[in-house]
Amino acid sequence: MGFERNYQVKIPFNQILQRGYSTSSNDNNVLTPWSVTGFTDAEGSFIVRVRKNARYRSGYNVVPVFSIALHKKDLNLLRSIKSFFGEAGHIWKDSNLSMYKYRIESLKQINHWILPHFDKYSLITQKQSDYMLFRKVVELVNAKKHLKVDNLQEFVSIRAVLNKGLSDYEISKFNVKPVNIVKPVISAVKTFNPYWIAGFVSGDGCFMIKIRKTNNTITKHQVVLAFKITQHSKDKDLMENLISYFNCGVLEKYSKTPAFDLSVYKFIDNYEKILPFFNKYDIIGCKYKDFKCWANVAELIKQKKHLEPSGLKKIIELRANMNNHRT
């Protein structure tokens, strides 16, 4: 099958360049099926639109949508993901001018690319439950069930529990009373494909350099290497299993939001476990630059250069090109 042949191949970004795309040589956009799934677990959305449309006998149109929205710094990664899915869908600038969206709304393209991919390379966060409901909607639309007004209740009921759900006001506009849809609860896996982790961290991970004042060094500063993954509390078990996988880190609860950080602060853990892992299994997108700066700082710390004024200056320069500081 042509689909299967194209589907299995890694897509180096230099091939995408030949199609007219441009990118920084410092970006890494080599995608594998599992890295795409991991990144989707972090940044993707499975959406079902139910909107009034007089052209349909039911009076409503139902449109399943696969979507990823990223900062403009990762526009080239969106282009790479679009290429991975056979150039299906569209990318456009959001009303927030710093954001771009990639969406697939064509039912044919969703059937051809999205369902086969996520059926084979399954999501493993609780987002998998959204995908399962999304898939159910696609099946119903394939069967033309959306064309009958009697089926509107089922579509609205599913839409009401997807993602952030619908408000009572939004539900009332459909003039139907939703039935109770039980959203599947996804059991946390204990084994991980390393490319899934790389993709997931590319979305929800953070490589950090903390510099604190102290009187215990010649430079009067302490340099701390940190690695974090932030996730909603509903995936707490998954985060704990990632700690077991890496054999390092702690789980930190956010005080005001239902979220947790998987945090690694010990230098020896970051240098001997986290650094070698992501040297082998690449971060994708512009966060690859953050990792490279972070890795350079790790080497400077290993060589005790952070205790020298010249070394500290170099670390400060590297940190200035990381995360929110980087344009």
C-alpha atoms as a PDB file:
ATOM      1  CA  MET A   1       0.000   0.000   0.000  1.00  0.00           C
ATOM      2  CA  GLY A   2       1.264   3.490  -0.825  1.00  0.00           C
ATOM      3  CA  PHE A   3       0.047   4.863   2.486  1.00  0.00           C
ATOM      4  CA  GLU A   4       1.957   2.320   4.534  1.00  0.00           C
ATOM      5  CA  ARG A   5       5.152   2.829   2.555  1.00  0.00           C
ATOM      6  CA  ASN A   6       5.164   6.611   3.061  1.00  0.00           C
ATOM      7  CA  TYR A   7       3.917   6.311   6.600  1.00  0.00           C
ATOM      8  CA  GLN A   8       6.818   4.315   7.973  1.00  0.00           C
ATOM      9  CA  VAL A   9       9.602   6.559   6.706  1.00  0.00           C
ATOM     10  CA  LYS A  10      11.318   9.174   8.868  1.00  0.00           C
ATOM     11  CA  ILE A  11      11.099  12.552   7.160  1.00  0.00           C
ATOM     12  CA  PRO A  12      14.335  14.578   7.389  1.00  0.00           C
ATOM     13  CA  PHE A  13      13.659  18.271   7.278  1.00  0.00           C
ATOM     14  CA  ASN A  14      16.122  18.794   4.405  1.00  0.00           C
ATOM     15  CA  GLN A  15      13.599  16.975   2.219  1.00  0.00           C
ATOM     16  CA  ILE A  16      10.968  19.492   3.267  1.00  0.00           C
ATOM     17  CA  LEU A  17      13.343  22.320   2.332  1.00  0.00           C
ATOM     18  CA  GLN A  18      13.248  21.052  -1.244  1.00  0.00           C
ATOM     19  CA  ARG A  19       9.513  21.789  -1.227  1.00  0.00           C
ATOM     20  CA  GLY A  20      10.130  25.463  -0.570  1.00  0.00           C
ATOM     21  CA  TYR A  21      10.179  25.610   3.214  1.00  0.00           C
ATOM     22  CA  SER A  22      12.904  27.423   5.137  1.00  0.00           C
ATOM     23  CA  THR A  23      14.259  26.831   8.617  1.00  0.00           C
ATOM     24  CA  SER A  24      17.147  27.640  10.917  1.00  0.00           C
ATOM     25  CA  SER A  25      19.991  25.154  10.734  1.00  0.00           C
ATOM     26  CA  ASN A  26      19.715  24.916  14.528  1.00  0.00           C
ATOM     27  CA  ASP A  27      16.194  23.477  14.450  1.00  0.00           C
ATOM     28  CA  ASN A  28      15.679  19.741  14.558  1.00  0.00           C
ATOM     29  CA  ASN A  29      12.585  18.541  12.746  1.00  0.00           C
ATOM     30  CA  VAL A  30      13.322  14.895  12.007  1.00  0.00           C
ATOM     31  CA  LEU A  31      10.063  13.170  12.854  1.00  0.00           C
ATOM     32  CA  THR A  32       9.273   9.560  13.679  1.00  0.00           C
ATOM     33  CA  PRO A  33       5.754   8.184  14.167  1.00  0.00           C
ATOM     34  CA  TRP A  34       6.247   7.963  17.936  1.00  0.00           C
ATOM     35  CA  SER A  35       7.681  11.476  18.240  1.00  0.00           C
ATOM     36  CA  VAL A  36       4.606  12.800  16.408  1.00  0.00           C
ATOM     37  CA  THR A  37       2.346  10.969  18.858  1.00  0.00           C
ATOM     38  CA  GLY A  38       4.330  12.204  21.861  1.00  0.00           C
ATOM     39  CA  PHE A  39       4.198  15.781  20.597  1.00  0.00           C
ATOM     40  CA  THR A  40       0.446  15.435  20.011  1.00  0.00           C
ATOM     41  CA  ASP A  41       0.003  14.162  23.574  1.00  0.00           C
ATOM     42  CA  ALA A  42       1.572  17.453  24.637  1.00  0.00           C
ATOM     43  CA  GLU A  43       0.255  19.969  22.100  1.00  0.00           C
ATOM     44  CA  GLY A  44      -2.434  18.412  19.904  1.00  0.00           C
ATOM     45  CA  SER A  45      -6.220  18.666  20.075  1.00  0.00           C
ATOM     46  CA  PHE A  46      -9.052  16.504  18.782  1.00  0.00           C
ATOM     47  CA  ILE A  47     -12.002  18.802  18.160  1.00  0.00           C
ATOM     48  CA  VAL A  48     -15.598  18.239  17.115  1.00  0.00           C
ATOM     49  CA  ARG A  49     -17.461  21.243  15.730  1.00  0.00           C
ATOM     50  CA  VAL A  50     -21.254  21.186  15.800  1.00  0.00           C
ATOM     51  CA  ARG A  51     -22.632  24.269  14.047  1.00  0.00           C
ATOM     52  CA  LYS A  52     -25.895  25.405  12.561  1.00  0.00           C
ATOM     53  CA  ASN A  53     -25.968  25.023   8.802  1.00  0.00           C
ATOM     54  CA  ALA A  54     -29.191  25.279   6.801  1.00  0.00           C
ATOM     55  CA  ARG A  55     -27.706  23.310   3.911  1.00  0.00           C
ATOM     56  CA  TYR A  56     -28.010  20.097   5.962  1.00  0.00           C
ATOM     57  CA  ARG A  57     -31.338  18.340   6.590  1.00  0.00           C
ATOM     58  CA  SER A  58     -30.560  18.169  10.300  1.00  0.00           C
ATOM     59  CA  GLY A  59     -29.889  21.911  10.365  1.00  0.00           C
ATOM     60  CA  TYR A  60     -26.397  21.266  11.713  1.00  0.00           C
ATOM     61  CA  ASN A  61     -23.004  20.325  10.362  1.00  0.00           C
ATOM     62  CA  VAL A  62     -20.584  18.144  12.325  1.00  0.00           C
ATOM     63  CA  VAL A  63     -16.866  18.547  11.538  1.00  0.00           C
ATOM     64  CA  PRO A  64     -14.097  16.546  13.249  1.00  0.00           C
ATOM     65  CA  VAL A  65     -10.839  18.536  13.395  1.00  0.00           C
ATOM     66  CA  PHE A  66      -7.271  17.584  14.266  1.00  0.00           C
ATOM     67  CA  SER A  67      -5.329  20.644  15.428  1.00  0.00           C
ATOM     68  CA  ILE A  68      -1.938  21.746  16.753  1.00  0.00           C
ATOM     69  CA  ALA A  69      -1.268  25.393  17.679  1.00  0.00           C
ATOM     70  CA  LEU A  70       2.290  26.606  18.270  1.00  0.00           C
ATOM     71  CA  HIS A  71       4.235  29.804  18.745  1.00  0.00           C
ATOM     72  CA  LYS A  72       5.613  31.343  15.544  1.00  0.00           C
ATOM     73  CA  LYS A  73       9.080  30.138  16.597  1.00  0.00           C
ATOM     74  CA  ASP A  74       7.878  26.632  15.739  1.00  0.00           C
ATOM     75  CA  LEU A  75       6.228  27.398  12.416  1.00  0.00           C
ATOM     76  CA  ASN A  76       8.740  25.155  10.671  1.00  0.00           C
ATOM     77  CA  LEU A  77       7.846  22.282  12.986  1.00  0.00           C
ATOM     78  CA  LEU A  78       4.187  22.692  12.012  1.00  0.00           C
ATOM     79  CA  ARG A  79       5.280  22.528   8.374  1.00  0.00           C
ATOM     80  CA  SER A  80       7.225  19.383   9.137  1.00  0.00           C
ATOM     81  CA  ILE A  81       4.210  17.764  10.830  1.00  0.00           C
ATOM     82  CA  LYS A  82       2.052  18.748   7.861  1.00  0.00           C
ATOM     83  CA  SER A  83       4.550  17.020   5.588  1.00  0.00           C
ATOM     84  CA  PHE A  84       4.539  13.947   7.838  1.00  0.00           C
ATOM     85  CA  PHE A  85       0.777  13.710   7.285  1.00  0.00           C
ATOM     86  CA  GLY A  86       1.146  13.829   3.515  1.00  0.00           C
ATOM     87  CA  GLU A  87       0.667  17.619   3.260  1.00  0.00           C
ATOM     88  CA  ALA A  88      -2.899  17.184   4.522  1.00  0.00           C
ATOM     89  CA  GLY A  89      -4.567  20.188   6.137  1.00  0.00           C
ATOM     90  CA  HIS A  90      -3.642  23.838   6.347  1.00  0.00           C
ATOM     91  CA  ILE A  91      -1.431  26.144   8.411  1.00  0.00           C
ATOM     92  CA  TRP A  92      -2.407  29.730   9.102  1.00  0.00           C
ATOM     93  CA  LYS A  93      -1.606  32.609  11.423  1.00  0.00           C
ATOM     94  CA  ASP A  94      -3.920  32.862  14.410  1.00  0.00           C
ATOM     95  CA  SER A  95      -5.612  36.112  15.447  1.00  0.00           C
ATOM     96  CA  ASN A  96      -2.910  36.107  18.119  1.00  0.00           C
ATOM     97  CA  LEU A  97      -0.118  37.096  15.757  1.00  0.00           C
ATOM     98  CA  SER A  98       2.501  35.147  17.688  1.00  0.00           C
ATOM     99  CA  MET A  99       0.691  31.833  17.089  1.00  0.00           C
ATOM    100  CA  TYR A 100       0.169  29.557  14.101  1.00  0.00           C
ATOM    101  CA  LYS A 101      -2.364  26.743  13.766  1.00  0.00           C
ATOM    102  CA  TYR A 102      -2.198  23.524  11.801  1.00  0.00           C
ATOM    103  CA  ARG A 103      -5.549  21.876  11.197  1.00  0.00           C
ATOM    104  CA  ILE A 104      -6.943  18.941   9.263  1.00  0.00           C
ATOM    105  CA  GLU A 105     -10.707  19.292   8.727  1.00  0.00           C
ATOM    106  CA  SER A 106     -11.182  17.122   5.658  1.00  0.00           C
ATOM    107  CA  LEU A 107     -12.990  13.928   6.624  1.00  0.00           C
ATOM    108  CA  LYS A 108     -11.174  12.084   3.829  1.00  0.00           C
ATOM    109  CA  GLN A 109      -7.771  13.209   5.137  1.00  0.00           C
ATOM    110  CA  ILE A 110      -8.667  12.382   8.727  1.00  0.00           C
ATOM    111  CA  ASN A 111      -9.693   8.875   7.653  1.00  0.00           C
ATOM    112  CA  HIS A 112      -6.545   8.446   5.565  1.00  0.00           C
ATOM    113  CA  TRP A 113      -3.913   9.946   7.870  1.00  0.00           C
ATOM    114  CA  ILE A 114      -5.070  10.708  11.400  1.00  0.00           C
ATOM    115  CA  LEU A 115      -7.025   7.598  12.365  1.00  0.00           C
ATOM    116  CA  PRO A 116      -4.468   5.090  10.994  1.00  0.00           C
ATOM    117  CA  HIS A 117      -1.613   6.908  12.708  1.00  0.00           C
ATOM    118  CA  PHE A 118      -3.159   7.223  16.173  1.00  0.00           C
ATOM    119  CA  ASP A 119      -4.664   3.739  16.008  1.00  0.00           C
ATOM    120  CA  LYS A 120      -1.185   2.297  15.452  1.00  0.00           C
ATOM    121  CA  TYR A 121       0.860   4.745  17.545  1.00  0.00           C
ATOM    122  CA  SER A 122      -1.510   5.349  20.429  1.00  0.00           C
ATOM    123  CA  LEU A 123      -1.585   8.404  22.639  1.00  0.00           C
ATOM    124  CA  ILE A 124      -0.802   7.493  26.246  1.00  0.00           C
ATOM    125  CA  THR A 125      -1.881  10.529  28.273  1.00  0.00           C
ATOM    126  CA  GLN A 126      -5.531  11.085  29.154  1.00  0.00           C
ATOM    127  CA  LYS A 127      -5.779  12.780  25.751  1.00  0.00           C
ATOM    128  CA  GLN A 128      -6.296   9.267  24.423  1.00  0.00           C
ATOM    129  CA  SER A 129      -9.832   9.435  25.844  1.00  0.00           C
ATOM    130  CA  ASP A 130     -10.496  12.537  23.713  1.00  0.00           C
ATOM    131  CA  TYR A 131      -9.156  10.683  20.693  1.00  0.00           C
ATOM    132  CA  MET A 132     -11.433   7.690  21.353  1.00  0.00           C
ATOM    133  CA  LEU A 133     -14.498   9.945  21.441  1.00  0.00           C
ATOM    134  CA  PHE A 134     -13.246  11.872  18.416  1.00  0.00           C
ATOM    135  CA  ARG A 135     -12.847   8.583  16.565  1.00  0.00           C
ATOM    136  CA  LYS A 136     -16.419   7.637  17.463  1.00  0.00           C
ATOM    137  CA  VAL A 137     -17.644  10.909  15.935  1.00  0.00           C
ATOM    138  CA  VAL A 138     -15.655  10.261  12.752  1.00  0.00           C
ATOM    139  CA  GLU A 139     -17.284   6.831  12.479  1.00  0.00           C
ATOM    140  CA  LEU A 140     -20.739   8.365  12.916  1.00  0.00           C
ATOM    141  CA  VAL A 141     -20.053  11.006  10.275  1.00  0.00           C
ATOM    142  CA  ASN A 142     -18.684   8.326   7.928  1.00  0.00           C
ATOM    143  CA  ALA A 143     -22.027   6.551   8.364  1.00  0.00           C
ATOM    144  CA  LYS A 144     -23.891   9.831   7.556  1.00  0.00           C
ATOM    145  CA  LYS A 145     -25.475   9.861  11.026  1.00  0.00           C
ATOM    146  CA  HIS A 146     -24.908  13.625  11.282  1.00  0.00           C
ATOM    147  CA  LEU A 147     -27.474  14.209   8.544  1.00  0.00           C
ATOM    148  CA  LYS A 148     -30.396  13.205  10.789  1.00  0.00           C
ATOM    149  CA  VAL A 149     -31.659  15.601  13.441  1.00  0.00           C
ATOM    150  CA  ASP A 150     -32.503  12.646  15.713  1.00  0.00           C
ATOM    151  CA  ASN A 151     -28.763  11.987  16.100  1.00  0.00           C
ATOM    152  CA  LEU A 152     -27.891  15.545  17.172  1.00  0.00           C
ATOM    153  CA  GLN A 153     -28.145  14.601  20.847  1.00  0.00           C
ATOM    154  CA  GLU A 154     -25.359  12.031  20.542  1.00  0.00           C
ATOM    155  CA  PHE A 155     -23.010  14.469  18.811  1.00  0.00           C
ATOM    156  CA  VAL A 156     -23.665  17.233  21.342  1.00  0.00           C
ATOM    157  CA  SER A 157     -23.248  14.779  24.210  1.00  0.00           C
ATOM    158  CA  ILE A 158     -19.822  13.724  22.957  1.00  0.00           C
ATOM    159  CA  ARG A 159     -18.823  17.312  22.241  1.00  0.00           C
ATOM    160  CA  ALA A 160     -19.837  18.269  25.795  1.00  0.00           C
ATOM    161  CA  VAL A 161     -17.133  16.076  27.343  1.00  0.00           C
ATOM    162  CA  LEU A 162     -14.343  16.583  24.793  1.00  0.00           C
ATOM    163  CA  ASN A 163     -11.391  18.727  25.841  1.00  0.00           C
ATOM    164  CA  LYS A 164     -12.727  21.540  28.068  1.00  0.00           C
ATOM    165  CA  GLY A 165     -16.345  20.669  27.314  1.00  0.00           C
ATOM    166  CA  LEU A 166     -19.265  23.022  26.672  1.00  0.00           C
ATOM    167  CA  SER A 167     -20.936  25.513  28.988  1.00  0.00           C
ATOM    168  CA  ASP A 168     -24.634  25.123  29.831  1.00  0.00           C
ATOM    169  CA  TYR A 169     -25.325  28.150  27.633  1.00  0.00           C
ATOM    170  CA  GLU A 170     -23.538  26.590  24.667  1.00  0.00           C
ATOM    171  CA  ILE A 171     -25.430  23.320  25.142  1.00  0.00           C
ATOM    172  CA  SER A 172     -28.781  25.143  25.360  1.00  0.00           C
ATOM    173  CA  LYS A 173     -28.283  26.565  21.855  1.00  0.00           C
ATOM    174  CA  PHE A 174     -28.703  23.082  20.401  1.00  0.00           C
ATOM    175  CA  ASN A 175     -32.135  22.616  22.008  1.00  0.00           C
ATOM    176  CA  VAL A 176     -31.220  19.109  23.140  1.00  0.00           C
ATOM    177  CA  LYS A 177     -30.478  17.625  26.516  1.00  0.00           C
ATOM    178  CA  PRO A 178     -27.134  15.772  26.413  1.00  0.00           C
ATOM    179  CA  VAL A 179     -27.048  12.215  27.629  1.00  0.00           C
ATOM    180  CA  ASN A 180     -24.375  11.166  30.081  1.00  0.00           C
ATOM    181  CA  ILE A 181     -21.260  10.154  28.173  1.00  0.00           C
ATOM    182  CA  VAL A 182     -18.705   8.309  30.278  1.00  0.00           C
ATOM    183  CA  LYS A 183     -15.281   9.541  29.232  1.00  0.00           C
ATOM    184  CA  PRO A 184     -12.781   6.666  29.158  1.00  0.00           C
ATOM    185  CA  VAL A 185     -10.083   6.714  31.826  1.00  0.00           C
ATOM    186  CA  ILE A 186      -6.692   5.779  30.420  1.00  0.00           C
ATOM    187  CA  SER A 187      -4.462   3.595  32.578  1.00  0.00           C
ATOM    188  CA  ALA A 188      -0.940   4.962  32.899  1.00  0.00           C
ATOM    189  CA  VAL A 189       1.618   2.918  30.990  1.00  0.00           C
ATOM    190  CA  LYS A 190       4.807   1.792  32.698  1.00  0.00           C
ATOM    191  CA  THR A 191       6.915   1.295  29.589  1.00  0.00           C
ATOM    192  CA  PHE A 192       7.660   4.032  27.083  1.00  0.00           C
ATOM    193  CA  ASN A 193       8.885   4.312  23.532  1.00  0.00           C
ATOM    194  CA  PRO A 194      11.850   6.709  23.838  1.00  0.00           C
ATOM    195  CA  TYR A 195      10.791   8.626  20.725  1.00  0.00           C
ATOM    196  CA  TRP A 196       7.396   9.215  22.350  1.00  0.00           C
ATOM    197  CA  ILE A 197       9.211  10.750  25.338  1.00  0.00           C
ATOM    198  CA  ALA A 198      11.311  12.951  23.057  1.00  0.00           C
ATOM    199  CA  GLY A 199       8.204  14.217  21.275  1.00  0.00           C
ATOM    200  CA  PHE A 200       6.291  14.716  24.521  1.00  0.00           C
ATOM    201  CA  VAL A 201       9.127  16.656  26.141  1.00  0.00           C
ATOM    202  CA  SER A 202       9.457  18.749  22.983  1.00  0.00           C
ATOM    203  CA  GLY A 203       5.975  20.019  23.824  1.00  0.00           C
ATOM    204  CA  ASP A 204       5.605  19.959  27.614  1.00  0.00           C
ATOM    205  CA  GLY A 205       9.208  19.772  28.818  1.00  0.00           C
ATOM    206  CA  CYS A 206      11.620  22.504  29.823  1.00  0.00           C
ATOM    207  CA  PHE A 207      15.407  22.653  30.094  1.00  0.00           C
ATOM    208  CA  MET A 208      16.332  25.307  32.642  1.00  0.00           C
ATOM    209  CA  ILE A 209      19.407  27.063  33.969  1.00  0.00           C
ATOM    210  CA  LYS A 210      18.984  28.748  37.351  1.00  0.00           C
ATOM    211  CA  ILE A 211      21.564  31.241  38.607  1.00  0.00           C
ATOM    212  CA  ARG A 212      21.355  32.255  42.265  1.00  0.00           C
ATOM    213  CA  LYS A 213      23.422  34.561  44.427  1.00  0.00           C
ATOM    214  CA  THR A 214      25.533  32.914  47.093  1.00  0.00           C
ATOM    215  CA  ASN A 215      28.536  33.700  49.267  1.00  0.00           C
ATOM    216  CA  ASN A 216      29.976  30.205  48.898  1.00  0.00           C
ATOM    217  CA  THR A 217      31.733  30.628  45.534  1.00  0.00           C
ATOM    218  CA  ILE A 218      34.336  32.981  44.044  1.00  0.00           C
ATOM    219  CA  THR A 219      31.792  34.273  41.530  1.00  0.00           C
ATOM    220  CA  LYS A 220      29.181  34.807  44.272  1.00  0.00           C
ATOM    221  CA  HIS A 221      26.740  32.808  42.174  1.00  0.00           C
ATOM    222  CA  GLN A 222      25.404  29.253  42.138  1.00  0.00           C
ATOM    223  CA  VAL A 223      24.431  27.573  38.870  1.00  0.00           C
ATOM    224  CA  VAL A 224      21.704  24.919  38.954  1.00  0.00           C
ATOM    225  CA  LEU A 225      20.774  22.686  36.041  1.00  0.00           C
ATOM    226  CA  ALA A 226      17.073  21.683  36.012  1.00  0.00           C
ATOM    227  CA  PHE A 227      14.803  19.587  33.807  1.00  0.00           C
ATOM    228  CA  LYS A 228      11.004  19.722  34.082  1.00  0.00           C
ATOM    229  CA  ILE A 229       7.876  18.267  32.528  1.00  0.00           C
ATOM    230  CA  THR A 230       4.567  19.943  33.403  1.00  0.00           C
ATOM    231  CA  GLN A 231       1.318  18.040  33.182  1.00  0.00           C
ATOM    232  CA  HIS A 232      -2.278  18.178  34.429  1.00  0.00           C
ATOM    233  CA  SER A 233      -2.921  16.268  37.641  1.00  0.00           C
ATOM    234  CA  LYS A 234      -5.130  13.771  35.795  1.00  0.00           C
ATOM    235  CA  ASP A 235      -1.873  12.320  34.420  1.00  0.00           C
ATOM    236  CA  LYS A 236      -0.141  12.151  37.791  1.00  0.00           C
ATOM    237  CA  ASP A 237       0.308   8.361  37.548  1.00  0.00           C
ATOM    238  CA  LEU A 238       1.960   8.724  34.153  1.00  0.00           C
ATOM    239  CA  MET A 239       4.384  11.308  35.574  1.00  0.00           C
ATOM    240  CA  GLU A 240       5.272   8.996  38.437  1.00  0.00           C
ATOM    241  CA  ASN A 241       5.961   6.226  35.925  1.00  0.00           C
ATOM    242  CA  LEU A 242       8.262   8.555  33.991  1.00  0.00           C
ATOM    243  CA  ILE A 243      10.191   9.165  37.214  1.00  0.00           C
ATOM    244  CA  SER A 244      10.595   5.401  37.534  1.00  0.00           C
ATOM    245  CA  TYR A 245      11.626   5.155  33.881  1.00  0.00           C
ATOM    246  CA  PHE A 246      14.401   7.733  34.282  1.00  0.00           C
ATOM    247  CA  ASN A 247      15.137   6.583  37.832  1.00  0.00           C
ATOM    248  CA  CYS A 248      15.375  10.198  38.960  1.00  0.00           C
ATOM    249  CA  GLY A 249      13.299  13.272  39.680  1.00  0.00           C
ATOM    250  CA  VAL A 250      10.548  14.353  42.036  1.00  0.00           C
ATOM    251  CA  LEU A 251       6.893  15.228  41.576  1.00  0.00           C
ATOM    252  CA  GLU A 252       5.993  18.786  42.599  1.00  0.00           C
ATOM    253  CA  LYS A 253       2.379  19.938  42.999  1.00  0.00           C
ATOM    254  CA  TYR A 254       1.289  23.347  41.794  1.00  0.00           C
ATOM    255  CA  SER A 255      -0.370  25.232  44.639  1.00  0.00           C
ATOM    256  CA  LYS A 256      -3.130  26.998  42.684  1.00  0.00           C
ATOM    257  CA  THR A 257      -3.677  24.882  39.582  1.00  0.00           C
ATOM    258  CA  PRO A 258      -4.376  21.165  39.008  1.00  0.00           C
ATOM    259  CA  ALA A 259      -0.905  20.494  37.621  1.00  0.00           C
ATOM    260  CA  PHE A 260       2.320  18.733  38.547  1.00  0.00           C
ATOM    261  CA  ASP A 261       5.952  19.173  37.607  1.00  0.00           C
ATOM    262  CA  LEU A 262       8.277  16.248  37.144  1.00  0.00           C
ATOM    263  CA  SER A 263      11.494  17.986  38.253  1.00  0.00           C
ATOM    264  CA  VAL A 264      15.106  16.835  38.122  1.00  0.00           C
ATOM    265  CA  TYR A 265      17.503  19.076  40.064  1.00  0.00           C
ATOM    266  CA  LYS A 266      20.441  16.838  40.972  1.00  0.00           C
ATOM    267  CA  PHE A 267      23.334  17.548  38.625  1.00  0.00           C
ATOM    268  CA  ILE A 268      24.477  13.942  38.545  1.00  0.00           C
ATOM    269  CA  ASP A 269      20.984  12.820  37.440  1.00  0.00           C
ATOM    270  CA  ASN A 270      20.734  15.473  34.760  1.00  0.00           C
ATOM    271  CA  TYR A 271      24.252  14.800  33.475  1.00  0.00           C
ATOM    272  CA  GLU A 272      24.216  11.002  33.562  1.00  0.00           C
ATOM    273  CA  LYS A 273      20.547  10.242  32.793  1.00  0.00           C
ATOM    274  CA  ILE A 274      18.669  13.125  31.173  1.00  0.00           C
ATOM    275  CA  LEU A 275      21.497  14.498  28.995  1.00  0.00           C
ATOM    276  CA  PRO A 276      22.507  11.142  27.414  1.00  0.00           C
ATOM    277  CA  PHE A 277      18.847  10.256  26.774  1.00  0.00           C
ATOM    278  CA  PHE A 278      18.129  13.390  24.728  1.00  0.00           C
ATOM    279  CA  ASN A 279      21.497  13.197  23.011  1.00  0.00           C
ATOM    280  CA  LYS A 280      20.286   9.858  21.663  1.00  0.00           C
ATOM    281  CA  TYR A 281      16.575  10.643  21.179  1.00  0.00           C
ATOM    282  CA  ASP A 282      16.352  14.128  19.723  1.00  0.00           C
ATOM    283  CA  ILE A 283      14.136  16.925  20.888  1.00  0.00           C
ATOM    284  CA  ILE A 284      12.185  18.350  17.927  1.00  0.00           C
ATOM    285  CA  GLY A 285      11.370  21.947  17.054  1.00  0.00           C
ATOM    286  CA  CYS A 286      12.904  25.101  18.452  1.00  0.00           C
ATOM    287  CA  LYS A 287      13.200  23.523  21.915  1.00  0.00           C
ATOM    288  CA  TYR A 288      16.103  21.590  20.410  1.00  0.00           C
ATOM    289  CA  LYS A 289      18.081  24.841  20.698  1.00  0.00           C
ATOM    290  CA  ASP A 290      17.215  25.064  24.400  1.00  0.00           C
ATOM    291  CA  PHE A 291      18.481  21.554  24.939  1.00  0.00           C
ATOM    292  CA  LYS A 292      21.756  22.264  23.130  1.00  0.00           C
ATOM    293  CA  CYS A 293      22.397  25.346  25.287  1.00  0.00           C
ATOM    294  CA  TRP A 294      21.458  23.334  28.379  1.00  0.00           C
ATOM    295  CA  ALA A 295      23.848  20.549  27.336  1.00  0.00           C
ATOM    296  CA  ASN A 296      26.684  23.061  26.861  1.00  0.00           C
ATOM    297  CA  VAL A 297      26.080  24.437  30.351  1.00  0.00           C
ATOM    298  CA  ALA A 298      26.107  20.896  31.736  1.00  0.00           C
ATOM    299  CA  GLU A 299      29.571  20.361  30.265  1.00  0.00           C
ATOM    300  CA  LEU A 300      30.803  23.656  31.723  1.00  0.00           C
ATOM    301  CA  ILE A 301      29.541  22.638  35.160  1.00  0.00           C
ATOM    302  CA  LYS A 302      31.127  19.204  34.803  1.00  0.00           C
ATOM    303  CA  GLN A 303      34.456  20.929  34.118  1.00  0.00           C
ATOM    304  CA  LYS A 304      33.926  23.288  37.114  1.00  0.00           C
ATOM    305  CA  LYS A 305      33.950  26.254  34.737  1.00  0.00           C
ATOM    306  CA  HIS A 306      30.852  27.661  36.452  1.00  0.00           C
ATOM    307  CA  LEU A 307      33.083  28.486  39.426  1.00  0.00           C
ATOM    308  CA  GLU A 308      35.189  30.848  37.297  1.00  0.00           C
ATOM    309  CA  PRO A 309      34.092  34.354  36.198  1.00  0.00           C
ATOM    310  CA  SER A 310      34.710  33.573  32.516  1.00  0.00           C
ATOM    311  CA  GLY A 311      32.735  30.340  32.761  1.00  0.00           C
ATOM    312  CA  LEU A 312      29.846  32.047  34.560  1.00  0.00           C
ATOM    313  CA  LYS A 313      29.775  34.724  31.858  1.00  0.00           C
ATOM    314  CA  LYS A 314      29.520  32.030  29.175  1.00  0.00           C
ATOM    315  CA  ILE A 315      26.669  30.354  31.060  1.00  0.00           C
ATOM    316  CA  ILE A 316      24.794  33.644  31.354  1.00  0.00           C
ATOM    317  CA  GLU A 317      25.199  34.149  27.594  1.00  0.00           C
ATOM    318  CA  LEU A 318      23.886  30.665  26.874  1.00  0.00           C
ATOM    319  CA  ARG A 319      20.910  31.122  29.194  1.00  0.00           C
ATOM    320  CA  ALA A 320      20.040  34.385  27.430  1.00  0.00           C
ATOM    321  CA  ASN A 321      19.317  32.338  24.287  1.00  0.00           C
ATOM    322  CA  MET A 322      17.018  29.822  25.978  1.00  0.00           C
ATOM    323  CA  ASN A 323      13.254  29.452  26.465  1.00  0.00           C
ATOM    324  CA  ASN A 324      11.361  32.766  26.695  1.00  0.00           C
ATOM    325  CA  HIS A 325      14.543  34.792  26.225  1.00  0.00           C
ATOM    326  CA  ARG A 326      15.001  33.450  22.690  1.00  0.00           C
ATOM    327  CA  THR A 327      13.242  35.192  19.825  1.00  0.00           C
END
